[in-house]
Amino acid sequence: MKCLFAGIALSGVLAMTACGGSSSGSSSMPPVSSGTVRVRFAEGAPELEALINGVPQDIGSAYLQVDGQTVSSQFDYGTLTNFLLLPPGAHSLEALDILGYRVGPVKVASLTAGKQYTLILVGTYPKYSVLAFEEPASSKAQLSLYEASPSVPSADFGSFRASSHSGFKALGSAKFGNLVTVSLGTSVSNFGGYAGQGDKPFTGGDLSLASIDTFDRHSELPFHTASRFSLFLFDAKSGSASGPVFGSLDR
């Protein structure tokens, strides 16, 4: 399956990988202070539509602006930007094409100084919204699910043996709009994560650590600076080879 979960932000570029499902490498982390907020953005809406000649139409390839400033030159389905710093408080975002057609501005709830968030654009025309997920505290090895699929009220997530693609085991569940993180202990290897129902992954819903970072050949956590395997569940995009589950390695 084709991978997509790559984005270009002011702070750098996330690597594209070749795997089943979609993924990004570990995200860079600028230092956060009591007067700033560390934020990354994800595009979880299957279609970005705007009113063009009186008809809602997909705007195609988009870029991202926050408070009127461009922060990512790519913001298509499955994009995850690197972390960047913003002032605390309320913000707004827009996804635009090169002709100026746009989705938004969409309001972002007030963000608290000193914290870090993942903000995910979800919805369909004309009702788009931004889900704000406060990032969990770091630990030795963790698995997280960001449940950002409006069409899925709740989803289970868990692990499987990456080498044999077997042994699927549910470890937790999350309702729409929630982020749930489970501990995996001190370390894991031969590890894959999935989102689905019970011990059955959604189609395109299972990812190994090696599919996120090809250098992690044994699918191990922690791996270098990454200790958390993050899974993102979005609404499925019709005709897309990517999604609806995407992944990243995070600190």
C-alpha atoms as a PDB file:
ATOM      1  CA  MET A   1       0.000   0.000   0.000  1.00  0.00           C
ATOM      2  CA  LYS A   2       1.261   3.470  -0.857  1.00  0.00           C
ATOM      3  CA  CYS A   3       2.529   5.654   1.986  1.00  0.00           C
ATOM      4  CA  LEU A   4       1.826   9.364   2.230  1.00  0.00           C
ATOM      5  CA  PHE A   5       2.133  10.703   5.777  1.00  0.00           C
ATOM      6  CA  ALA A   6       4.803  13.294   4.959  1.00  0.00           C
ATOM      7  CA  GLY A   7       4.741  17.042   5.338  1.00  0.00           C
ATOM      8  CA  ILE A   8       6.969  20.055   4.775  1.00  0.00           C
ATOM      9  CA  ALA A   9       6.936  22.585   7.602  1.00  0.00           C
ATOM     10  CA  LEU A  10       9.070  25.533   8.627  1.00  0.00           C
ATOM     11  CA  SER A  11      10.965  23.256  10.975  1.00  0.00           C
ATOM     12  CA  GLY A  12      11.853  20.530   8.482  1.00  0.00           C
ATOM     13  CA  VAL A  13      10.719  17.640   6.330  1.00  0.00           C
ATOM     14  CA  LEU A  14       9.182  14.344   7.417  1.00  0.00           C
ATOM     15  CA  ALA A  15      10.415  11.333   5.481  1.00  0.00           C
ATOM     16  CA  MET A  16       8.163   9.314   3.179  1.00  0.00           C
ATOM     17  CA  THR A  17       8.367   5.534   3.547  1.00  0.00           C
ATOM     18  CA  ALA A  18       7.260   2.491   1.593  1.00  0.00           C
ATOM     19  CA  CYS A  19       4.952   0.240   3.594  1.00  0.00           C
ATOM     20  CA  GLY A  20       1.460  -1.081   4.135  1.00  0.00           C
ATOM     21  CA  GLY A  21      -0.535   1.834   5.491  1.00  0.00           C
ATOM     22  CA  SER A  22       0.972   5.298   5.833  1.00  0.00           C
ATOM     23  CA  SER A  23       3.582   6.797   8.057  1.00  0.00           C
ATOM     24  CA  SER A  24       6.121   9.440   8.955  1.00  0.00           C
ATOM     25  CA  GLY A  25       9.436   9.437  10.721  1.00  0.00           C
ATOM     26  CA  SER A  26       9.906  10.812  14.223  1.00  0.00           C
ATOM     27  CA  SER A  27       9.003  14.482  14.534  1.00  0.00           C
ATOM     28  CA  SER A  28      11.513  17.186  15.384  1.00  0.00           C
ATOM     29  CA  MET A  29      10.845  18.940  18.673  1.00  0.00           C
ATOM     30  CA  PRO A  30      11.754  22.627  19.077  1.00  0.00           C
ATOM     31  CA  PRO A  31      12.226  23.648  22.724  1.00  0.00           C
ATOM     32  CA  VAL A  32       9.065  24.843  24.443  1.00  0.00           C
ATOM     33  CA  SER A  33       8.930  27.523  27.124  1.00  0.00           C
ATOM     34  CA  SER A  34       6.288  28.811  29.500  1.00  0.00           C
ATOM     35  CA  GLY A  35       5.469  31.524  26.964  1.00  0.00           C
ATOM     36  CA  THR A  36       4.969  29.310  23.908  1.00  0.00           C
ATOM     37  CA  VAL A  37       3.045  26.270  22.716  1.00  0.00           C
ATOM     38  CA  ARG A  38       4.528  23.417  20.662  1.00  0.00           C
ATOM     39  CA  VAL A  39       2.100  22.403  17.920  1.00  0.00           C
ATOM     40  CA  ARG A  40       1.935  20.136  14.862  1.00  0.00           C
ATOM     41  CA  PHE A  41      -0.881  19.843  12.337  1.00  0.00           C
ATOM     42  CA  ALA A  42      -2.460  16.920  10.490  1.00  0.00           C
ATOM     43  CA  GLU A  43      -4.906  16.852   7.584  1.00  0.00           C
ATOM     44  CA  GLY A  44      -7.532  14.242   8.413  1.00  0.00           C
ATOM     45  CA  ALA A  45     -10.361  15.381   6.140  1.00  0.00           C
ATOM     46  CA  PRO A  46     -10.758  13.092   3.096  1.00  0.00           C
ATOM     47  CA  GLU A  47     -11.742  15.999   0.841  1.00  0.00           C
ATOM     48  CA  LEU A  48     -10.917  19.691   1.125  1.00  0.00           C
ATOM     49  CA  GLU A  49     -13.820  21.349  -0.653  1.00  0.00           C
ATOM     50  CA  ALA A  50     -14.669  24.983  -1.284  1.00  0.00           C
ATOM     51  CA  LEU A  51     -17.446  26.721  -3.192  1.00  0.00           C
ATOM     52  CA  ILE A  52     -16.185  27.186  -6.762  1.00  0.00           C
ATOM     53  CA  ASN A  53     -18.582  28.673  -9.336  1.00  0.00           C
ATOM     54  CA  GLY A  54     -21.385  27.977  -6.901  1.00  0.00           C
ATOM     55  CA  VAL A  55     -20.576  24.272  -6.552  1.00  0.00           C
ATOM     56  CA  PRO A  56     -18.609  22.566  -3.731  1.00  0.00           C
ATOM     57  CA  GLN A  57     -15.419  21.201  -5.330  1.00  0.00           C
ATOM     58  CA  ASP A  58     -12.192  19.605  -4.128  1.00  0.00           C
ATOM     59  CA  ILE A  59      -9.458  22.259  -4.112  1.00  0.00           C
ATOM     60  CA  GLY A  60      -6.793  19.616  -4.814  1.00  0.00           C
ATOM     61  CA  SER A  61      -3.245  20.054  -3.554  1.00  0.00           C
ATOM     62  CA  ALA A  62      -3.254  22.458  -0.622  1.00  0.00           C
ATOM     63  CA  TYR A  63      -0.912  24.334   1.675  1.00  0.00           C
ATOM     64  CA  LEU A  64      -1.498  25.375   5.282  1.00  0.00           C
ATOM     65  CA  GLN A  65      -1.720  28.799   6.848  1.00  0.00           C
ATOM     66  CA  VAL A  66      -2.047  29.507  10.569  1.00  0.00           C
ATOM     67  CA  ASP A  67      -3.182  32.995  11.554  1.00  0.00           C
ATOM     68  CA  GLY A  68      -2.500  34.105   7.986  1.00  0.00           C
ATOM     69  CA  GLN A  69       1.079  32.781   7.882  1.00  0.00           C
ATOM     70  CA  THR A  70       2.137  29.801   5.748  1.00  0.00           C
ATOM     71  CA  VAL A  71       3.508  27.007   7.935  1.00  0.00           C
ATOM     72  CA  SER A  72       3.433  24.058   5.512  1.00  0.00           C
ATOM     73  CA  SER A  73       3.733  24.016   1.724  1.00  0.00           C
ATOM     74  CA  GLN A  74       1.959  20.637   1.622  1.00  0.00           C
ATOM     75  CA  PHE A  75      -1.292  19.914   3.445  1.00  0.00           C
ATOM     76  CA  ASP A  76      -3.078  17.078   1.704  1.00  0.00           C
ATOM     77  CA  TYR A  77      -4.881  14.069   3.183  1.00  0.00           C
ATOM     78  CA  GLY A  78      -2.552  12.286   5.598  1.00  0.00           C
ATOM     79  CA  THR A  79      -0.061  15.123   5.968  1.00  0.00           C
ATOM     80  CA  LEU A  80       1.562  15.577   9.369  1.00  0.00           C
ATOM     81  CA  THR A  81       3.786  18.617   9.894  1.00  0.00           C
ATOM     82  CA  ASN A  82       6.763  18.864  12.200  1.00  0.00           C
ATOM     83  CA  PHE A  83       6.268  20.624  15.513  1.00  0.00           C
ATOM     84  CA  LEU A  84       6.537  24.411  15.542  1.00  0.00           C
ATOM     85  CA  LEU A  85       6.117  27.074  18.191  1.00  0.00           C
ATOM     86  CA  LEU A  86       3.064  29.320  18.537  1.00  0.00           C
ATOM     87  CA  PRO A  87       1.964  31.833  21.148  1.00  0.00           C
ATOM     88  CA  PRO A  88      -0.670  30.518  23.570  1.00  0.00           C
ATOM     89  CA  GLY A  89      -4.341  31.318  23.064  1.00  0.00           C
ATOM     90  CA  ALA A  90      -6.788  30.897  20.194  1.00  0.00           C
ATOM     91  CA  HIS A  91      -5.717  30.506  16.563  1.00  0.00           C
ATOM     92  CA  SER A  92      -7.219  29.811  13.156  1.00  0.00           C
ATOM     93  CA  LEU A  93      -6.078  27.745  10.201  1.00  0.00           C
ATOM     94  CA  GLU A  94      -6.820  27.659   6.487  1.00  0.00           C
ATOM     95  CA  ALA A  95      -6.003  25.138   3.757  1.00  0.00           C
ATOM     96  CA  LEU A  96      -5.552  26.865   0.402  1.00  0.00           C
ATOM     97  CA  ASP A  97      -4.737  26.011  -3.188  1.00  0.00           C
ATOM     98  CA  ILE A  98      -2.534  28.118  -5.452  1.00  0.00           C
ATOM     99  CA  LEU A  99      -5.583  29.928  -6.876  1.00  0.00           C
ATOM    100  CA  GLY A 100      -6.685  31.070  -3.421  1.00  0.00           C
ATOM    101  CA  TYR A 101      -9.652  28.746  -2.955  1.00  0.00           C
ATOM    102  CA  ARG A 102      -9.699  27.742   0.685  1.00  0.00           C
ATOM    103  CA  VAL A 103     -11.148  25.729   3.494  1.00  0.00           C
ATOM    104  CA  GLY A 104     -11.541  27.959   6.516  1.00  0.00           C
ATOM    105  CA  PRO A 105     -10.606  29.897   8.439  1.00  0.00           C
ATOM    106  CA  VAL A 106     -11.322  27.190  11.003  1.00  0.00           C
ATOM    107  CA  LYS A 107     -11.030  28.214  14.632  1.00  0.00           C
ATOM    108  CA  VAL A 108      -8.663  26.417  17.006  1.00  0.00           C
ATOM    109  CA  ALA A 109      -9.552  26.228  20.698  1.00  0.00           C
ATOM    110  CA  SER A 110      -7.351  28.178  23.102  1.00  0.00           C
ATOM    111  CA  LEU A 111      -3.976  26.495  23.645  1.00  0.00           C
ATOM    112  CA  THR A 112      -2.183  26.576  27.005  1.00  0.00           C
ATOM    113  CA  ALA A 113       1.371  27.899  27.306  1.00  0.00           C
ATOM    114  CA  GLY A 114       4.063  25.325  28.033  1.00  0.00           C
ATOM    115  CA  LYS A 115       2.108  22.416  26.528  1.00  0.00           C
ATOM    116  CA  GLN A 116       2.272  20.604  23.203  1.00  0.00           C
ATOM    117  CA  TYR A 117      -0.561  19.605  20.909  1.00  0.00           C
ATOM    118  CA  THR A 118      -1.463  17.814  17.704  1.00  0.00           C
ATOM    119  CA  LEU A 119      -4.187  19.703  15.825  1.00  0.00           C
ATOM    120  CA  ILE A 120      -6.122  17.671  13.245  1.00  0.00           C
ATOM    121  CA  LEU A 121      -8.428  19.102  10.584  1.00  0.00           C
ATOM    122  CA  VAL A 122     -11.511  16.878  10.167  1.00  0.00           C
ATOM    123  CA  GLY A 123     -14.962  17.008   8.616  1.00  0.00           C
ATOM    124  CA  THR A 124     -16.610  17.527   5.254  1.00  0.00           C
ATOM    125  CA  TYR A 125     -17.955  20.541   3.363  1.00  0.00           C
ATOM    126  CA  PRO A 126     -19.270  22.845   4.721  1.00  0.00           C
ATOM    127  CA  LYS A 127     -18.542  21.746   8.312  1.00  0.00           C
ATOM    128  CA  TYR A 128     -14.841  21.466   9.029  1.00  0.00           C
ATOM    129  CA  SER A 129     -13.381  21.605  12.519  1.00  0.00           C
ATOM    130  CA  VAL A 130     -10.065  21.199  14.313  1.00  0.00           C
ATOM    131  CA  LEU A 131      -9.530  18.590  17.024  1.00  0.00           C
ATOM    132  CA  ALA A 132      -6.914  19.536  19.617  1.00  0.00           C
ATOM    133  CA  PHE A 133      -5.058  16.606  21.215  1.00  0.00           C
ATOM    134  CA  GLU A 134      -2.760  17.421  24.124  1.00  0.00           C
ATOM    135  CA  GLU A 135       0.387  15.316  23.795  1.00  0.00           C
ATOM    136  CA  PRO A 136       1.004  12.738  26.565  1.00  0.00           C
ATOM    137  CA  ALA A 137       4.000  12.712  28.874  1.00  0.00           C
ATOM    138  CA  SER A 138       6.906  10.684  27.514  1.00  0.00           C
ATOM    139  CA  SER A 139       7.785   7.260  28.869  1.00  0.00           C
ATOM    140  CA  LYS A 140       9.997   4.290  27.963  1.00  0.00           C
ATOM    141  CA  ALA A 141       7.802   2.678  25.277  1.00  0.00           C
ATOM    142  CA  GLN A 142       4.233   3.659  24.428  1.00  0.00           C
ATOM    143  CA  LEU A 143       1.480   3.148  21.871  1.00  0.00           C
ATOM    144  CA  SER A 144      -1.067   5.918  21.204  1.00  0.00           C
ATOM    145  CA  LEU A 145      -4.248   6.247  19.179  1.00  0.00           C
ATOM    146  CA  TYR A 146      -5.512   9.652  18.033  1.00  0.00           C
ATOM    147  CA  GLU A 147      -9.185   8.937  17.230  1.00  0.00           C
ATOM    148  CA  ALA A 148      -9.914  11.588  14.590  1.00  0.00           C
ATOM    149  CA  SER A 149     -12.518   9.838  12.432  1.00  0.00           C
ATOM    150  CA  PRO A 150     -15.978  11.458  12.742  1.00  0.00           C
ATOM    151  CA  SER A 151     -17.555   8.404  11.063  1.00  0.00           C
ATOM    152  CA  VAL A 152     -16.109   6.003  13.681  1.00  0.00           C
ATOM    153  CA  PRO A 153     -17.577   6.676  17.166  1.00  0.00           C
ATOM    154  CA  SER A 154     -14.885   4.548  18.838  1.00  0.00           C
ATOM    155  CA  ALA A 155     -12.020   2.288  17.817  1.00  0.00           C
ATOM    156  CA  ASP A 156      -9.817  -0.306  19.442  1.00  0.00           C
ATOM    157  CA  PHE A 157      -6.068  -0.408  19.001  1.00  0.00           C
ATOM    158  CA  GLY A 158      -3.297  -2.803  19.867  1.00  0.00           C
ATOM    159  CA  SER A 159      -0.251  -4.769  18.789  1.00  0.00           C
ATOM    160  CA  PHE A 160       0.802  -7.590  16.475  1.00  0.00           C
ATOM    161  CA  ARG A 161       3.966  -9.501  15.607  1.00  0.00           C
ATOM    162  CA  ALA A 162       5.481  -7.588  12.719  1.00  0.00           C
ATOM    163  CA  SER A 163       7.557 -10.418  11.235  1.00  0.00           C
ATOM    164  CA  SER A 164       4.625 -12.843  10.848  1.00  0.00           C
ATOM    165  CA  HIS A 165       1.803 -10.296  10.699  1.00  0.00           C
ATOM    166  CA  SER A 166      -0.024 -12.316  13.359  1.00  0.00           C
ATOM    167  CA  GLY A 167      -0.929 -12.273  17.032  1.00  0.00           C
ATOM    168  CA  PHE A 168      -3.209  -9.237  16.931  1.00  0.00           C
ATOM    169  CA  LYS A 169      -4.050  -8.176  20.486  1.00  0.00           C
ATOM    170  CA  ALA A 170      -6.218  -5.262  21.603  1.00  0.00           C
ATOM    171  CA  LEU A 171      -4.550  -3.030  24.207  1.00  0.00           C
ATOM    172  CA  GLY A 172      -6.985  -0.155  24.486  1.00  0.00           C
ATOM    173  CA  SER A 173      -9.796   1.812  22.884  1.00  0.00           C
ATOM    174  CA  ALA A 174     -10.524   5.465  22.149  1.00  0.00           C
ATOM    175  CA  LYS A 175     -13.674   7.433  21.427  1.00  0.00           C
ATOM    176  CA  PHE A 176     -13.834  10.031  18.671  1.00  0.00           C
ATOM    177  CA  GLY A 177     -11.933  13.163  19.672  1.00  0.00           C
ATOM    178  CA  ASN A 178      -9.830  11.395  22.304  1.00  0.00           C
ATOM    179  CA  LEU A 179      -6.179  10.421  22.519  1.00  0.00           C
ATOM    180  CA  VAL A 180      -5.422   7.244  24.467  1.00  0.00           C
ATOM    181  CA  THR A 181      -1.893   6.045  25.302  1.00  0.00           C
ATOM    182  CA  VAL A 182      -0.850   2.692  26.745  1.00  0.00           C
ATOM    183  CA  SER A 183       2.507   1.661  28.187  1.00  0.00           C
ATOM    184  CA  LEU A 184       4.445  -1.107  26.449  1.00  0.00           C
ATOM    185  CA  GLY A 185       6.991  -1.521  29.233  1.00  0.00           C
ATOM    186  CA  THR A 186      10.696  -0.813  29.052  1.00  0.00           C
ATOM    187  CA  SER A 187      11.113  -1.831  25.406  1.00  0.00           C
ATOM    188  CA  VAL A 188       9.553  -3.885  22.586  1.00  0.00           C
ATOM    189  CA  SER A 189      10.764  -5.483  19.365  1.00  0.00           C
ATOM    190  CA  ASN A 190       9.141  -7.152  16.362  1.00  0.00           C
ATOM    191  CA  PHE A 191       6.319  -4.713  17.082  1.00  0.00           C
ATOM    192  CA  GLY A 192       3.416  -3.567  14.996  1.00  0.00           C
ATOM    193  CA  GLY A 193       0.402  -1.456  15.912  1.00  0.00           C
ATOM    194  CA  TYR A 194      -3.116  -1.380  14.531  1.00  0.00           C
ATOM    195  CA  ALA A 195      -6.483   0.319  14.865  1.00  0.00           C
ATOM    196  CA  GLY A 196      -9.718  -1.555  14.282  1.00  0.00           C
ATOM    197  CA  GLN A 197     -12.492  -3.332  16.109  1.00  0.00           C
ATOM    198  CA  GLY A 198     -11.411  -5.856  18.719  1.00  0.00           C
ATOM    199  CA  ASP A 199      -8.441  -7.808  17.393  1.00  0.00           C
ATOM    200  CA  LYS A 200      -9.320  -7.129  13.745  1.00  0.00           C
ATOM    201  CA  PRO A 201      -7.600  -4.150  12.113  1.00  0.00           C
ATOM    202  CA  PHE A 202      -9.347  -1.838   9.689  1.00  0.00           C
ATOM    203  CA  THR A 203      -8.326  -2.280   6.074  1.00  0.00           C
ATOM    204  CA  GLY A 204      -5.083  -0.323   5.857  1.00  0.00           C
ATOM    205  CA  GLY A 205      -5.108  -0.092   9.649  1.00  0.00           C
ATOM    206  CA  ASP A 206      -1.947  -1.993  10.657  1.00  0.00           C
ATOM    207  CA  LEU A 207       1.621  -0.659  10.628  1.00  0.00           C
ATOM    208  CA  SER A 208       4.961  -2.048  11.767  1.00  0.00           C
ATOM    209  CA  LEU A 209       7.627   0.160  13.301  1.00  0.00           C
ATOM    210  CA  ALA A 210       9.916  -0.699  10.390  1.00  0.00           C
ATOM    211  CA  SER A 211       7.296   0.684   7.997  1.00  0.00           C
ATOM    212  CA  ILE A 212       7.508   4.002   9.824  1.00  0.00           C
ATOM    213  CA  ASP A 213      11.297   4.133   9.798  1.00  0.00           C
ATOM    214  CA  THR A 214      13.089   1.697   7.508  1.00  0.00           C
ATOM    215  CA  PHE A 215      16.223   2.007   9.655  1.00  0.00           C
ATOM    216  CA  ASP A 216      14.295   0.404  12.515  1.00  0.00           C
ATOM    217  CA  ARG A 217      14.725  -3.007  10.870  1.00  0.00           C
ATOM    218  CA  HIS A 218      13.773  -4.987  13.984  1.00  0.00           C
ATOM    219  CA  SER A 219      10.686  -2.862  14.733  1.00  0.00           C
ATOM    220  CA  GLU A 220      12.017  -1.820  18.124  1.00  0.00           C
ATOM    221  CA  LEU A 221      11.009   0.814  20.654  1.00  0.00           C
ATOM    222  CA  PRO A 222      12.665   2.889  21.944  1.00  0.00           C
ATOM    223  CA  PHE A 223      14.515   3.607  18.701  1.00  0.00           C
ATOM    224  CA  HIS A 224      17.044   6.447  18.782  1.00  0.00           C
ATOM    225  CA  THR A 225      15.104   9.383  20.291  1.00  0.00           C
ATOM    226  CA  ALA A 226      11.652   7.907  19.637  1.00  0.00           C
ATOM    227  CA  SER A 227       9.814   6.040  22.382  1.00  0.00           C
ATOM    228  CA  ARG A 228       6.176   6.356  21.311  1.00  0.00           C
ATOM    229  CA  PHE A 229       4.390   4.777  18.350  1.00  0.00           C
ATOM    230  CA  SER A 230       1.514   7.095  17.394  1.00  0.00           C
ATOM    231  CA  LEU A 231      -1.440   5.872  15.324  1.00  0.00           C
ATOM    232  CA  PHE A 232      -3.855   8.358  13.718  1.00  0.00           C
ATOM    233  CA  LEU A 233      -7.313   7.240  12.610  1.00  0.00           C
ATOM    234  CA  PHE A 234      -8.962   9.461   9.984  1.00  0.00           C
ATOM    235  CA  ASP A 235     -12.070   9.074   7.848  1.00  0.00           C
ATOM    236  CA  ALA A 236     -11.203   6.963   4.793  1.00  0.00           C
ATOM    237  CA  LYS A 237     -10.608   8.778   1.501  1.00  0.00           C
ATOM    238  CA  SER A 238     -12.401   7.136  -1.417  1.00  0.00           C
ATOM    239  CA  GLY A 239      -9.992   5.805  -4.021  1.00  0.00           C
ATOM    240  CA  SER A 240      -6.908   6.506  -1.920  1.00  0.00           C
ATOM    241  CA  ALA A 241      -4.193   3.899  -1.407  1.00  0.00           C
ATOM    242  CA  SER A 242      -3.275   5.595   1.882  1.00  0.00           C
ATOM    243  CA  GLY A 243      -5.036   5.496   5.232  1.00  0.00           C
ATOM    244  CA  PRO A 244      -7.319   5.487   7.060  1.00  0.00           C
ATOM    245  CA  VAL A 245      -4.642   4.775   9.701  1.00  0.00           C
ATOM    246  CA  PHE A 246      -1.371   6.700   9.626  1.00  0.00           C
ATOM    247  CA  GLY A 247       1.579   6.525  11.997  1.00  0.00           C
ATOM    248  CA  SER A 248       4.596   8.356  13.359  1.00  0.00           C
ATOM    249  CA  LEU A 249       7.456   7.734  15.775  1.00  0.00           C
ATOM    250  CA  ASP A 250       7.443  10.349  18.526  1.00  0.00           C
ATOM    251  CA  ARG A 251       9.508  11.247  21.544  1.00  0.00           C
END
